[in-house]
C-alpha atoms as a PDB file:
ATOM      1  CA  MET A   1     100.738  73.506  23.288  1.00  0.00           C
ATOM      2  CA  ALA A   2     100.892  69.955  21.819  1.00  0.00           C
ATOM      3  CA  ASP A   3      98.952  68.991  18.698  1.00  0.00           C
ATOM      4  CA  GLU A   4      96.844  66.571  20.833  1.00  0.00           C
ATOM      5  CA  GLU A   5      95.978  69.408  23.214  1.00  0.00           C
ATOM      6  CA  ILE A   6      95.014  71.711  20.382  1.00  0.00           C
ATOM      7  CA  SER A   7      92.862  68.971  18.719  1.00  0.00           C
ATOM      8  CA  ARG A   8      91.132  68.247  22.046  1.00  0.00           C
ATOM      9  CA  LYS A   9      90.377  71.940  22.609  1.00  0.00           C
ATOM     10  CA  LEU A  10      88.941  72.246  19.109  1.00  0.00           C
ATOM     11  CA  LEU A  11      86.857  69.098  19.697  1.00  0.00           C
ATOM     12  CA  GLU A  12      85.528  70.557  22.896  1.00  0.00           C
ATOM     13  CA  GLU A  13      84.599  73.847  21.246  1.00  0.00           C
ATOM     14  CA  ILE A  14      82.845  72.074  18.440  1.00  0.00           C
ATOM     15  CA  SER A  15      80.993  69.856  20.899  1.00  0.00           C
ATOM     16  CA  SER A  16      79.909  72.901  22.858  1.00  0.00           C
ATOM     17  CA  ASP A  17      78.701  74.603  19.615  1.00  0.00           C
ATOM     18  CA  VAL A  18      76.737  71.458  18.624  1.00  0.00           C
ATOM     19  CA  LEU A  19      75.128  71.298  22.025  1.00  0.00           C
ATOM     20  CA  ASP A  20      74.226  74.984  21.878  1.00  0.00           C
ATOM     21  CA  LEU A  21      72.731  74.484  18.424  1.00  0.00           C
ATOM     22  CA  ILE A  22      70.679  71.567  19.429  1.00  0.00           C
ATOM     23  CA  GLN A  23      69.326  73.365  22.488  1.00  0.00           C
ATOM     24  CA  TYR A  24      68.468  76.484  20.375  1.00  0.00           C
ATOM     25  CA  LEU A  25      66.712  74.333  17.790  1.00  0.00           C
ATOM     26  CA  TYR A  26      64.673  72.610  20.498  1.00  0.00           C
ATOM     27  CA  THR A  27      63.758  75.832  22.273  1.00  0.00           C
ATOM     28  CA  GLY A  28      63.006  77.491  18.933  1.00  0.00           C
ATOM     29  CA  CYS A  29      60.661  74.669  17.897  1.00  0.00           C
ATOM     30  CA  ARG A  30      58.852  74.870  21.246  1.00  0.00           C
ATOM     31  CA  THR A  31      58.629  78.611  21.151  1.00  0.00           C
ATOM     32  CA  VAL A  32      57.169  78.694  17.653  1.00  0.00           C
ATOM     33  CA  LEU A  33      54.456  76.360  18.782  1.00  0.00           C
ATOM     34  CA  LEU A  34      53.661  78.359  21.869  1.00  0.00           C
ATOM     35  CA  TYR A  35      53.672  81.963  20.636  1.00  0.00           C
ATOM     36  CA  PRO A  36      52.299  83.864  17.637  1.00  0.00           C
ATOM     37  CA  PRO A  37      54.846  84.441  14.743  1.00  0.00           C
ATOM     38  CA  GLU A  38      55.072  88.174  15.368  1.00  0.00           C
ATOM     39  CA  SER A  39      56.056  87.746  18.992  1.00  0.00           C
ATOM     40  CA  PRO A  40      59.370  89.038  20.062  1.00  0.00           C
ATOM     41  CA  THR A  41      60.035  85.710  21.855  1.00  0.00           C
ATOM     42  CA  VAL A  42      59.653  83.853  18.526  1.00  0.00           C
ATOM     43  CA  LYS A  43      61.881  86.317  16.710  1.00  0.00           C
ATOM     44  CA  ARG A  44      64.569  86.062  19.375  1.00  0.00           C
ATOM     45  CA  ALA A  45      64.415  82.200  19.249  1.00  0.00           C
ATOM     46  CA  VAL A  46      64.755  82.167  15.550  1.00  0.00           C
ATOM     47  CA  GLU A  47      67.656  84.631  15.651  1.00  0.00           C
ATOM     48  CA  ASN A  48      69.418  82.404  18.226  1.00  0.00           C
ATOM     49  CA  VAL A  49      69.097  79.362  15.927  1.00  0.00           C
ATOM     50  CA  TYR A  50      70.286  81.346  12.946  1.00  0.00           C
ATOM     51  CA  GLN A  51      73.335  82.768  14.740  1.00  0.00           C
ATOM     52  CA  SER A  52      74.377  79.449  16.247  1.00  0.00           C
ATOM     53  CA  LEU A  53      73.968  77.669  12.938  1.00  0.00           C
ATOM     54  CA  MET A  54      75.921  80.327  11.054  1.00  0.00           C
ATOM     55  CA  SER A  55      78.721  80.248  13.499  1.00  0.00           C
ATOM     56  CA  MET A  56      79.194  76.513  12.834  1.00  0.00           C
ATOM     57  CA  ILE A  57      79.182  76.613   8.975  1.00  0.00           C
ATOM     58  CA  PRO A  58      82.531  77.276   7.529  1.00  0.00           C
ATOM     59  CA  GLU A  59      82.523  79.874   4.720  1.00  0.00           C
ATOM     60  CA  GLY A  60      81.427  78.165   1.540  1.00  0.00           C
ATOM     61  CA  GLY A  61      80.768  75.005   3.521  1.00  0.00           C
ATOM     62  CA  ALA A  62      77.832  73.019   4.797  1.00  0.00           C
ATOM     63  CA  LEU A  63      76.580  71.523   8.015  1.00  0.00           C
ATOM     64  CA  ASP A  64      74.910  68.100   8.201  1.00  0.00           C
ATOM     65  CA  LEU A  65      73.376  66.952  11.427  1.00  0.00           C
ATOM     66  CA  SER A  66      71.830  63.515  11.379  1.00  0.00           C
ATOM     67  CA  PHE A  67      71.330  60.359  13.348  1.00  0.00           C
ATOM     68  CA  MET A  68      72.944  57.003  12.523  1.00  0.00           C
ATOM     69  CA  GLU A  69      72.188  54.066  14.793  1.00  0.00           C
ATOM     70  CA  ASP A  70      70.844  56.423  17.457  1.00  0.00           C
ATOM     71  CA  LYS A  71      73.950  58.522  17.526  1.00  0.00           C
ATOM     72  CA  LEU A  72      74.248  62.113  16.403  1.00  0.00           C
ATOM     73  CA  THR A  73      76.495  62.631  13.487  1.00  0.00           C
ATOM     74  CA  VAL A  74      77.956  66.019  12.415  1.00  0.00           C
ATOM     75  CA  ASN A  75      79.114  66.237   8.764  1.00  0.00           C
ATOM     76  CA  GLY A  76      79.079  62.409   8.651  1.00  0.00           C
ATOM     77  CA  GLU A  77      81.291  61.910  11.799  1.00  0.00           C
ATOM     78  CA  VAL A  78      79.857  60.530  14.990  1.00  0.00           C
ATOM     79  CA  ALA A  79      79.685  63.326  17.513  1.00  0.00           C
ATOM     80  CA  ASP A  80      81.862  63.281  20.494  1.00  0.00           C
ATOM     81  CA  ASP A  81      80.847  60.903  23.383  1.00  0.00           C
ATOM     82  CA  PHE A  82      80.320  63.936  25.608  1.00  0.00           C
ATOM     83  CA  ILE A  83      77.353  64.996  23.408  1.00  0.00           C
ATOM     84  CA  GLN A  84      75.985  61.499  23.200  1.00  0.00           C
ATOM     85  CA  LYS A  85      76.047  61.203  27.015  1.00  0.00           C
ATOM     86  CA  THR A  86      74.193  64.459  27.674  1.00  0.00           C
ATOM     87  CA  GLY A  87      70.925  62.951  26.477  1.00  0.00           C
ATOM     88  CA  ILE A  88      70.016  66.218  24.666  1.00  0.00           C
ATOM     89  CA  THR A  89      69.865  64.526  21.318  1.00  0.00           C
ATOM     90  CA  ARG A  90      66.991  62.314  22.452  1.00  0.00           C
ATOM     91  CA  LYS A  91      64.735  65.362  22.225  1.00  0.00           C
ATOM     92  CA  PHE A  92      64.930  64.996  18.436  1.00  0.00           C
ATOM     93  CA  GLN A  93      64.520  61.183  18.084  1.00  0.00           C
END
């Protein structure tokens, strides 16, 4: 497999992970507002966010999600166009 193909595959995996995390964050926020804290639904939503987040953070590293000029950035890099085009990030703006 060529280096370019490997890089693209890694980028697609990272993009997918970022999308999953954003969706879990959004769902978790909504769930916390709708259900009491002791609800199994809330516990499951929080666990989903935690697991998704921890799978993205390298050991000893950090994860920075932010917006710059209406574009999602991940660790200071503008996220892949695929993520920008999904519209999922508008839920947090």
